[in-house]
Protein backbone atom coordinates (compact mmCIF):
# COMPACT_ATOMS: atom_id res chain seq x y z
CA UNK A 1 0.03 -0.02 -0.07
CA UNK A 2 1.35 3.34 -1.06
CA UNK A 3 0.16 6.41 0.68
CA UNK A 4 0.66 9.52 -1.22
CA UNK A 5 -0.91 11.97 1.01
CA UNK A 6 -3.52 11.98 3.91
CA UNK A 7 -5.56 14.38 5.81
CA UNK A 8 -7.65 13.99 9.00
CA UNK A 9 -10.55 16.28 9.93
CA UNK A 10 -10.23 18.92 7.25
CA UNK A 11 -12.74 21.61 7.21
CA UNK A 12 -13.43 23.95 4.10
CA UNK A 13 -15.67 27.12 3.56
CA UNK A 14 -18.82 26.99 1.71
CA UNK A 15 -17.04 27.72 -1.82
CA UNK A 16 -15.13 24.52 -1.60
CA UNK A 17 -15.24 22.26 -4.71
CA UNK A 18 -13.02 19.69 -6.29
CA UNK A 19 -12.93 19.44 -10.29
CA UNK A 20 -10.45 16.78 -11.55
CA UNK A 21 -11.59 15.76 -15.00
CA UNK A 22 -8.77 13.21 -15.20
CA UNK A 23 -8.84 12.14 -11.63
CA UNK A 24 -6.09 12.62 -9.19
CA UNK A 25 -3.67 10.02 -10.64
CA UNK A 26 -4.13 7.71 -7.81
CA UNK A 27 -6.97 6.24 -5.65
CA UNK A 28 -8.95 8.75 -3.38
CA UNK A 29 -10.50 7.52 -0.24
CA UNK A 30 -13.07 10.07 1.38
CA UNK A 31 -14.72 10.02 4.73
CA UNK A 32 -17.44 12.59 4.58
CA UNK A 33 -18.21 14.42 7.75
CA UNK A 34 -20.81 16.71 6.21
CA UNK A 35 -23.51 16.40 3.44
CA UNK A 36 -21.91 16.89 0.08
CA UNK A 37 -22.81 17.05 -3.76
CA UNK A 38 -21.01 14.44 -5.95
CA UNK A 39 -21.42 14.53 -9.77
CA UNK A 40 -21.69 10.67 -10.64
CA UNK A 41 -22.38 9.59 -14.30
CA UNK A 42 -23.25 13.14 -15.11
CA UNK A 43 -25.78 13.46 -12.43
CA UNK A 44 -25.62 15.61 -9.15
CA UNK A 45 -26.04 13.35 -6.15
CA UNK A 46 -26.46 14.41 -2.57
CA UNK A 47 -24.14 12.16 -0.47
CA UNK A 48 -25.06 12.33 3.21
CA UNK A 49 -22.80 12.89 6.05
CA UNK A 50 -20.95 9.79 7.64
CA UNK A 51 -20.26 8.12 4.11
CA UNK A 52 -17.36 6.25 2.78
CA UNK A 53 -16.33 6.83 -0.91
CA UNK A 54 -13.44 5.71 -2.97
CA UNK A 55 -12.66 7.15 -6.43
CA UNK A 56 -10.67 4.76 -8.77
CA UNK A 57 -7.64 5.71 -10.33
CA UNK A 58 -8.38 7.76 -13.55
CA UNK A 59 -12.08 8.48 -12.44
CA UNK A 60 -13.13 12.07 -12.89
CA UNK A 61 -13.46 13.57 -9.54
CA UNK A 62 -16.20 16.10 -9.08
CA UNK A 63 -17.53 16.97 -5.54
CA UNK A 64 -18.42 20.09 -3.65
CA UNK A 65 -20.22 21.67 -0.42
CA UNK A 66 -23.87 21.73 -0.18
CA UNK A 67 -24.61 25.40 -0.94
CA UNK A 68 -24.10 27.72 1.98
CA UNK A 69 -22.69 24.99 4.09
CA UNK A 70 -19.15 24.07 5.17
CA UNK A 71 -17.45 20.81 3.92
CA UNK A 72 -15.67 18.55 6.33
CA UNK A 73 -13.97 15.23 5.54
CA UNK A 74 -10.94 12.94 6.04
CA UNK A 75 -9.05 11.70 2.85
CA UNK A 76 -6.26 9.48 1.71
CA UNK A 77 -4.48 9.43 -1.88
CA UNK A 78 -3.13 6.04 -2.18
CA UNK A 79 -2.13 3.18 -4.57
CA UNK A 80 -2.43 -0.55 -4.42
CA UNK A 81 0.46 -2.75 -4.44
CA UNK A 82 0.67 -6.27 -6.02
CA UNK A 83 -2.43 -8.33 -4.99
CA UNK A 84 -3.89 -5.66 -2.78
CA UNK A 85 -6.62 -4.45 -5.07
CA UNK A 86 -7.99 -7.94 -5.49
CA UNK A 87 -8.17 -8.22 -1.71
CA UNK A 88 -9.96 -4.99 -1.68
CA UNK A 89 -12.65 -6.21 -4.10
CA UNK A 90 -12.98 -9.63 -2.26
CA UNK A 91 -14.23 -7.71 0.56
CA UNK A 92 -17.22 -6.58 -1.44
CA UNK A 93 -15.97 -2.97 -1.83
CA UNK A 94 -16.28 -1.11 -5.06
CA UNK A 95 -15.05 2.19 -6.44
CA UNK A 96 -17.23 5.22 -7.06
CA UNK A 97 -20.15 4.20 -5.02
CA UNK A 98 -20.97 5.92 -1.71
CA UNK A 99 -21.58 3.82 1.30
CA UNK A 100 -23.66 5.27 4.17
CA UNK A 101 -22.06 4.29 7.30
CA UNK A 102 -24.17 5.85 9.99
CA UNK A 103 -21.11 6.30 12.36
CA UNK A 104 -17.73 6.79 10.82
CA UNK A 105 -15.83 7.61 14.07
CA UNK A 106 -13.88 4.32 14.02
CA UNK A 107 -12.89 4.65 10.50
CA UNK A 108 -11.95 8.48 11.10
CA UNK A 109 -9.65 7.20 13.98
CA UNK A 110 -7.92 4.87 11.40
CA UNK A 111 -7.46 7.82 8.92
CA UNK A 112 -5.89 9.77 11.71
CA UNK A 113 -3.30 6.99 12.56
CA UNK A 114 -2.75 6.33 8.87
CA UNK A 115 -1.72 10.20 8.52
CA UNK A 116 0.35 9.97 11.61
CA UNK A 117 2.36 6.99 10.38
CA UNK A 118 2.81 8.44 6.90
CA UNK A 119 4.40 11.63 8.27
CA UNK A 120 6.35 9.81 10.96
CA UNK A 121 9.83 8.09 10.47
CA UNK A 122 8.62 5.09 12.30
CA UNK A 123 10.64 2.06 11.39
CA UNK A 124 7.58 -0.16 10.61
CA UNK A 125 5.19 2.65 9.32
CA UNK A 126 4.37 0.96 5.92
CA UNK A 127 3.38 -2.12 7.75
CA UNK A 128 1.32 -0.34 10.26
CA UNK A 129 -0.38 1.71 7.42
CA UNK A 130 -1.26 -1.55 5.56
CA UNK A 131 -2.93 -2.85 8.73
CA UNK A 132 -4.89 0.32 9.32
CA UNK A 133 -6.06 0.44 5.65
CA UNK A 134 -7.35 -2.97 5.70
CA UNK A 135 -8.94 -2.59 9.22
CA UNK A 136 -10.69 0.37 7.56
CA UNK A 137 -11.75 -1.56 4.43
CA UNK A 138 -12.93 -4.57 6.66
CA UNK A 139 -15.00 -2.28 8.86
CA UNK A 140 -16.89 -0.97 5.75
CA UNK A 141 -17.24 -4.53 4.28
CA UNK A 142 -18.84 -5.66 7.56
CA UNK A 143 -21.34 -2.89 7.15
CA UNK A 144 -22.23 -4.00 3.64
CA UNK A 145 -22.70 -7.67 4.74
CA UNK A 146 -26.35 -8.78 4.47
CA UNK A 147 -28.42 -10.63 6.66
CA UNK A 148 -26.50 -9.68 9.87
CA UNK A 149 -28.97 -8.06 12.31
CA UNK A 150 -27.85 -5.10 14.54
CA UNK A 151 -28.72 -5.98 17.98
CA UNK A 152 -29.50 -3.36 20.51
CA UNK A 153 -27.61 -5.38 23.11
CA UNK A 154 -24.31 -5.47 21.22
CA UNK A 155 -22.66 -3.27 23.92
CA UNK A 156 -19.25 -4.09 22.80
CA UNK A 157 -19.69 -2.26 19.43
CA UNK A 158 -21.26 0.64 21.26
CA UNK A 159 -18.29 0.89 23.70
CA UNK A 160 -15.83 0.43 21.03
CA UNK A 161 -17.35 3.53 19.53
CA UNK A 162 -16.87 5.48 22.65
CA UNK A 163 -13.29 4.26 22.94
CA UNK A 164 -12.43 5.27 19.42
CA UNK A 165 -13.93 8.80 20.13
CA UNK A 166 -11.72 9.36 23.25
CA UNK A 167 -8.66 8.52 21.19
CA UNK A 168 -9.68 10.40 18.14
CA UNK A 169 -11.08 13.58 20.06
CA UNK A 170 -8.95 13.87 23.21
CA UNK A 171 -9.71 17.59 23.44
CA UNK A 172 -13.41 16.97 24.01
CA UNK A 173 -14.52 17.15 27.57
CA UNK A 174 -15.82 13.66 28.64
CA UNK A 175 -16.74 12.02 31.91
CA UNK A 176 -18.54 8.71 32.85
CA UNK A 177 -22.04 10.38 32.96
CA UNK A 178 -21.43 11.98 29.58
CA UNK A 179 -20.21 8.66 27.93
CA UNK A 180 -22.80 6.37 29.60
CA UNK A 181 -25.51 8.64 28.47
CA UNK A 182 -24.24 8.77 24.88
CA UNK A 183 -24.94 4.98 24.58
CA UNK A 184 -27.93 4.99 26.80
CA UNK A 185 -26.60 2.83 29.62
CA UNK A 186 -26.45 3.22 33.37
CA UNK A 187 -23.41 4.48 34.92
CA UNK A 188 -22.48 1.20 36.85
CA UNK A 189 -23.20 -1.07 33.90
CA UNK A 190 -21.24 1.16 31.63
CA UNK A 191 -18.21 1.07 33.92
CA UNK A 192 -18.45 -2.70 34.43
CA UNK A 193 -18.70 -3.59 30.79
CA UNK A 194 -16.08 -1.04 29.78
CA UNK A 195 -13.51 -2.75 32.02
CA UNK A 196 -14.57 -6.10 31.06
CA UNK A 197 -14.11 -5.39 27.35
CA UNK A 198 -11.13 -3.31 27.38
CA UNK A 199 -9.28 -4.29 30.57
CA UNK A 200 -9.05 -0.66 31.84
CA UNK A 201 -11.44 1.66 33.35
CA UNK A 202 -13.05 4.53 31.34
CA UNK A 203 -11.24 7.19 33.58
CA UNK A 204 -7.97 5.60 33.10
CA UNK A 205 -8.44 5.20 29.33
CA UNK A 206 -9.51 8.74 28.91
CA UNK A 207 -6.21 9.82 30.76
CA UNK A 208 -4.17 7.54 28.56
CA UNK A 209 -5.78 8.95 25.32
CA UNK A 210 -5.04 12.44 26.51
CA UNK A 211 -1.27 11.85 27.51
CA UNK A 212 -0.65 9.83 24.44
CA UNK A 213 -1.95 12.91 22.17
CA UNK A 214 0.14 15.26 24.31
CA UNK A 215 3.36 13.10 23.74
CA UNK A 216 2.62 13.34 20.06
CA UNK A 217 2.17 16.99 20.13
CA UNK A 218 5.24 17.62 22.18
CA UNK A 219 7.41 15.60 19.72
CA UNK A 220 5.91 16.44 16.45
CA UNK A 221 4.74 20.15 16.81
CA UNK A 222 6.06 23.65 18.13
CA UNK A 223 2.98 24.32 20.18
CA UNK A 224 3.57 25.78 23.53
CA UNK A 225 2.73 23.47 26.42
CA UNK A 226 -0.16 25.51 27.51
CA UNK A 227 -1.98 25.08 24.10
CA UNK A 228 -1.01 21.44 24.09
CA UNK A 229 -2.75 20.98 27.50
CA UNK A 230 -6.01 22.57 26.04
CA UNK A 231 -5.74 20.52 22.88
CA UNK A 232 -5.57 17.38 25.14
CA UNK A 233 -8.70 18.30 27.05
CA UNK A 234 -7.30 20.04 30.14
CA UNK A 235 -8.52 23.50 31.31
CA UNK A 236 -5.98 23.61 33.97
CA UNK A 237 -2.25 23.41 32.94
CA UNK A 238 -1.43 22.34 36.54
CA UNK A 239 -3.70 19.51 36.29
CA UNK A 240 -2.17 18.48 32.82
CA UNK A 241 1.29 18.69 34.14
CA UNK A 242 0.51 16.57 37.28
CA UNK A 243 -1.05 13.83 35.14
CA UNK A 244 1.59 14.03 32.46
CA UNK A 245 4.31 13.72 35.08
CA UNK A 246 2.57 10.77 36.68
CA UNK A 247 2.39 8.78 33.38
CA UNK A 248 5.75 9.58 32.00
CA UNK A 249 8.05 10.23 34.91
CA UNK A 250 8.77 13.73 33.72
CA UNK A 251 7.16 17.16 33.10
CA UNK A 252 5.95 18.11 29.68
CA UNK A 253 8.80 20.67 28.82
CA UNK A 254 11.43 18.07 29.97
CA UNK A 255 9.79 15.50 27.83
CA UNK A 256 9.96 17.77 24.77
CA UNK A 257 13.55 18.84 25.57
CA UNK A 258 14.87 15.25 25.91
CA UNK A 259 12.95 13.95 23.05
CA UNK A 260 12.02 11.15 25.22
CA UNK A 261 9.69 8.30 24.03
CA UNK A 262 9.32 6.61 27.54
């Protein structure tokens, strides 16, 4: 899998439009976070938010904002290597066909990790990217499988969605009451099942997600530490520093200066 470019959670003004009569020279994966207008087979089609779409290589690309609305999406420009395209089709996926997903938070998390790996210098980044890409494809394939009823008692799926959100959006304020209400579960049942499924309490996982994001921002950006604290969901820098020191053994500034990956 060759990633040429990737973007996570990009937003555009209401005049945004893409017009590529000859395509982009590669495959283009889109996760649409707002309603959008696509021109497919010469006709304008409204594609709803929370949809998955892949343009095949060489396919004309025409899509834009709904009039007077913003446009938000994740995207990956990529190319298949030997045998990978056949694997893609074997999952039941096709080019140039929108797939309404209902919830794309997990898929969006995969794109975030693909973008991170793409721009990193990690030794195994290519292997990690391929894993994330096919996890993403597998998720869409599962959604397309006929005859599988969605059961309201499938708590693992609902809690997995919450978990993907706290790692994808560590800046958003969440607590147990907020999260349990989001999946319409009682507080105690939510905490019990979260620990059962993931081996960690919700509060502990929330802290881990924020500190993981802070480590990334400290090593990969020039943001000052106060801004990083806010981007990781902390309204108090003192609270952020205390938790960061507890998790890593050092203060945020020292972590940045030493370049530690502890």
